[in-house]
Structures are given as C-alpha cells and as structure tokens.
C-alpha cells in the first residue's frame, strides 16, 4: 500500500508590496544583511513576531525564497508560521510589515501579540 504525502503549504510568502519594500531595504540601509523572522513569548496574547537584520543565517534558520528575495525564519518558529503571508501596508497613521497567519486563533486588542 502506497501512502501519498500531502503537499505542505509554503512556509511563508511575500506579497508584492512586501517584496518591493524589502528589496529597497536590502539595497539601501540594510545592504548585505538578511531579514530574520522569529516568534517570541511576549504580549497580552502570548506570542509576537520579531524581525531582526542578520549578517549571516544561523545554523537553524530556514530560508524562504519568494518574489526573488530571501527571508530567514527561525526553525523554532516554523510550526507557528506555516502558510503565513507577509505584507507591507501604509496608511495615514502607520506603515510597516504585517503578517496574515492562518495559524492564529486570536490577537490582543492592540494587535501586538497573538496566540495559536
């Protein structure tokens, strides 16, 4: 009996807006570095996204290649981020990267943290 493996969704994807903004950062102020995304215990709901610029990938980092760019994901965060879409949004009061994560079960009122 042959068991067919179900294809997993991509670890993360970047929207065109996120890719455009990230490309500008990679070519400008953060040249030579790579964005690393992790999940830490913090905030009202228990977990928060953390983004850091690193010179080199860590031994446990997963590489996400999407829209011609590379983003690193801390291996400990992969189960929390499977299927996540990273976007970049600007409005009159704020601008920044956002995460649409299908694994989230809820967010705190201020939007700074989430739980799965």
C-alpha atoms as a PDB file:
ATOM      1  CA  UNK A   1       0.000   0.000   0.000  1.00  0.00           C
ATOM      2  CA  UNK A   2       1.441   3.348  -1.058  1.00  0.00           C
ATOM      3  CA  UNK A   3       0.776   6.339   1.131  1.00  0.00           C
ATOM      4  CA  UNK A   4       0.575   9.601  -0.743  1.00  0.00           C
ATOM      5  CA  UNK A   5       2.107  12.542   1.012  1.00  0.00           C
ATOM      6  CA  UNK A   6       0.047  15.675   1.209  1.00  0.00           C
ATOM      7  CA  UNK A   7       1.929  18.710  -0.023  1.00  0.00           C
ATOM      8  CA  UNK A   8       2.517  21.256   2.729  1.00  0.00           C
ATOM      9  CA  UNK A   9       1.738  24.911   2.113  1.00  0.00           C
ATOM     10  CA  UNK A  10       4.789  27.130   1.678  1.00  0.00           C
ATOM     11  CA  UNK A  11       6.370  28.210   4.940  1.00  0.00           C
ATOM     12  CA  UNK A  12       5.861  31.894   4.106  1.00  0.00           C
ATOM     13  CA  UNK A  13       5.026  34.076   1.149  1.00  0.00           C
ATOM     14  CA  UNK A  14       5.706  37.750   0.462  1.00  0.00           C
ATOM     15  CA  UNK A  15       3.137  39.971  -1.190  1.00  0.00           C
ATOM     16  CA  UNK A  16       4.328  42.225  -3.996  1.00  0.00           C
ATOM     17  CA  UNK A  17       4.190  45.215  -1.619  1.00  0.00           C
ATOM     18  CA  UNK A  18       6.319  43.407   0.987  1.00  0.00           C
ATOM     19  CA  UNK A  19       8.810  42.302  -1.656  1.00  0.00           C
ATOM     20  CA  UNK A  20       9.090  45.842  -3.054  1.00  0.00           C
ATOM     21  CA  UNK A  21       9.737  47.358   0.392  1.00  0.00           C
ATOM     22  CA  UNK A  22      12.138  44.592   1.393  1.00  0.00           C
ATOM     23  CA  UNK A  23      14.091  44.991  -1.848  1.00  0.00           C
ATOM     24  CA  UNK A  24      14.536  48.719  -1.115  1.00  0.00           C
ATOM     25  CA  UNK A  25      15.809  47.893   2.367  1.00  0.00           C
ATOM     26  CA  UNK A  26      18.169  45.189   1.037  1.00  0.00           C
ATOM     27  CA  UNK A  27      19.583  47.646  -1.491  1.00  0.00           C
ATOM     28  CA  UNK A  28      19.758  50.588   0.937  1.00  0.00           C
ATOM     29  CA  UNK A  29      20.170  50.843   4.697  1.00  0.00           C
ATOM     30  CA  UNK A  30      20.268  47.064   5.249  1.00  0.00           C
ATOM     31  CA  UNK A  31      22.585  46.164   2.345  1.00  0.00           C
ATOM     32  CA  UNK A  32      24.489  42.958   3.000  1.00  0.00           C
ATOM     33  CA  UNK A  33      22.003  41.774   5.635  1.00  0.00           C
ATOM     34  CA  UNK A  34      19.003  39.459   5.553  1.00  0.00           C
ATOM     35  CA  UNK A  35      15.714  39.797   7.395  1.00  0.00           C
ATOM     36  CA  UNK A  36      15.215  37.078  10.019  1.00  0.00           C
ATOM     37  CA  UNK A  37      11.744  36.389  11.395  1.00  0.00           C
ATOM     38  CA  UNK A  38      11.123  34.654  14.692  1.00  0.00           C
ATOM     39  CA  UNK A  39       8.318  34.241  17.205  1.00  0.00           C
ATOM     40  CA  UNK A  40       8.857  35.095  20.864  1.00  0.00           C
ATOM     41  CA  UNK A  41       6.805  34.779  24.010  1.00  0.00           C
ATOM     42  CA  UNK A  42       5.549  38.272  24.761  1.00  0.00           C
ATOM     43  CA  UNK A  43       2.474  40.468  24.906  1.00  0.00           C
ATOM     44  CA  UNK A  44      -1.111  40.104  26.089  1.00  0.00           C
ATOM     45  CA  UNK A  45      -1.883  37.067  23.924  1.00  0.00           C
ATOM     46  CA  UNK A  46       1.377  35.234  24.495  1.00  0.00           C
ATOM     47  CA  UNK A  47       3.382  35.423  21.253  1.00  0.00           C
ATOM     48  CA  UNK A  48       4.721  38.140  18.994  1.00  0.00           C
ATOM     49  CA  UNK A  49       6.547  38.381  15.686  1.00  0.00           C
ATOM     50  CA  UNK A  50      10.122  39.575  15.839  1.00  0.00           C
ATOM     51  CA  UNK A  51      12.198  40.802  12.917  1.00  0.00           C
ATOM     52  CA  UNK A  52      15.961  41.266  13.022  1.00  0.00           C
ATOM     53  CA  UNK A  53      18.623  42.038  10.448  1.00  0.00           C
ATOM     54  CA  UNK A  54      21.433  39.492  10.399  1.00  0.00           C
ATOM     55  CA  UNK A  55      24.773  39.368   8.602  1.00  0.00           C
ATOM     56  CA  UNK A  56      24.623  35.578   8.135  1.00  0.00           C
ATOM     57  CA  UNK A  57      21.980  32.888   8.619  1.00  0.00           C
ATOM     58  CA  UNK A  58      22.122  30.899  11.825  1.00  0.00           C
ATOM     59  CA  UNK A  59      22.609  27.118  11.652  1.00  0.00           C
ATOM     60  CA  UNK A  60      18.917  26.530  12.452  1.00  0.00           C
ATOM     61  CA  UNK A  61      17.440  29.158  10.108  1.00  0.00           C
ATOM     62  CA  UNK A  62      15.116  28.134   7.297  1.00  0.00           C
ATOM     63  CA  UNK A  63      15.462  30.029   4.004  1.00  0.00           C
ATOM     64  CA  UNK A  64      12.302  31.304   2.361  1.00  0.00           C
ATOM     65  CA  UNK A  65      12.766  32.350  -1.269  1.00  0.00           C
ATOM     66  CA  UNK A  66       9.801  34.221  -2.674  1.00  0.00           C
ATOM     67  CA  UNK A  67       9.348  37.039  -5.190  1.00  0.00           C
ATOM     68  CA  UNK A  68      13.086  36.954  -5.908  1.00  0.00           C
ATOM     69  CA  UNK A  69      14.044  37.664  -2.287  1.00  0.00           C
ATOM     70  CA  UNK A  70      15.285  35.627   0.662  1.00  0.00           C
ATOM     71  CA  UNK A  71      13.925  35.855   4.192  1.00  0.00           C
ATOM     72  CA  UNK A  72      15.176  33.728   7.074  1.00  0.00           C
ATOM     73  CA  UNK A  73      12.858  32.049   9.570  1.00  0.00           C
ATOM     74  CA  UNK A  74      13.994  30.759  12.945  1.00  0.00           C
ATOM     75  CA  UNK A  75      13.398  26.993  12.857  1.00  0.00           C
ATOM     76  CA  UNK A  76      11.648  27.171  16.256  1.00  0.00           C
ATOM     77  CA  UNK A  77       9.039  29.474  14.653  1.00  0.00           C
ATOM     78  CA  UNK A  78       8.280  27.359  11.578  1.00  0.00           C
ATOM     79  CA  UNK A  79       5.296  25.487  13.054  1.00  0.00           C
ATOM     80  CA  UNK A  80       3.716  28.817  14.021  1.00  0.00           C
ATOM     81  CA  UNK A  81       4.332  30.411  10.602  1.00  0.00           C
ATOM     82  CA  UNK A  82       3.371  27.747   8.032  1.00  0.00           C
ATOM     83  CA  UNK A  83       1.194  29.396   5.399  1.00  0.00           C
ATOM     84  CA  UNK A  84       1.824  32.954   6.636  1.00  0.00           C
ATOM     85  CA  UNK A  85       1.709  35.838   4.160  1.00  0.00           C
ATOM     86  CA  UNK A  86       3.926  38.829   4.920  1.00  0.00           C
ATOM     87  CA  UNK A  87       2.620  42.133   3.570  1.00  0.00           C
ATOM     88  CA  UNK A  88       3.660  45.777   3.740  1.00  0.00           C
ATOM     89  CA  UNK A  89       0.963  48.365   4.386  1.00  0.00           C
ATOM     90  CA  UNK A  90       0.943  52.138   4.586  1.00  0.00           C
ATOM     91  CA  UNK A  91      -1.868  54.416   5.696  1.00  0.00           C
ATOM     92  CA  UNK A  92      -2.119  57.907   7.187  1.00  0.00           C
ATOM     93  CA  UNK A  93      -1.022  56.869  10.678  1.00  0.00           C
ATOM     94  CA  UNK A  94       1.135  53.762  10.293  1.00  0.00           C
ATOM     95  CA  UNK A  95       3.323  51.828   7.952  1.00  0.00           C
ATOM     96  CA  UNK A  96       5.094  48.530   8.301  1.00  0.00           C
ATOM     97  CA  UNK A  97       5.159  44.820   7.675  1.00  0.00           C
ATOM     98  CA  UNK A  98       2.107  42.797   8.644  1.00  0.00           C
ATOM     99  CA  UNK A  99       1.516  39.064   8.941  1.00  0.00           C
ATOM    100  CA  UNK A 100      -1.586  37.182   7.834  1.00  0.00           C
ATOM    101  CA  UNK A 101      -1.150  33.919   9.672  1.00  0.00           C
ATOM    102  CA  UNK A 102      -3.717  31.116   9.204  1.00  0.00           C
ATOM    103  CA  UNK A 103      -2.476  29.507  12.440  1.00  0.00           C
ATOM    104  CA  UNK A 104      -3.520  32.428  14.648  1.00  0.00           C
ATOM    105  CA  UNK A 105      -6.518  31.775  16.870  1.00  0.00           C
ATOM    106  CA  UNK A 106      -6.691  35.353  18.125  1.00  0.00           C
ATOM    107  CA  UNK A 107      -4.883  38.639  18.723  1.00  0.00           C
ATOM    108  CA  UNK A 108      -4.734  41.064  21.578  1.00  0.00           C
ATOM    109  CA  UNK A 109      -6.638  44.351  21.305  1.00  0.00           C
ATOM    110  CA  UNK A 110      -3.572  46.386  20.386  1.00  0.00           C
ATOM    111  CA  UNK A 111      -2.530  43.883  17.703  1.00  0.00           C
ATOM    112  CA  UNK A 112       0.992  43.437  19.077  1.00  0.00           C
ATOM    113  CA  UNK A 113       0.652  39.771  20.011  1.00  0.00           C
ATOM    114  CA  UNK A 114      -1.249  36.623  19.021  1.00  0.00           C
ATOM    115  CA  UNK A 115      -1.969  33.082  20.140  1.00  0.00           C
ATOM    116  CA  UNK A 116      -2.220  29.792  18.271  1.00  0.00           C
END
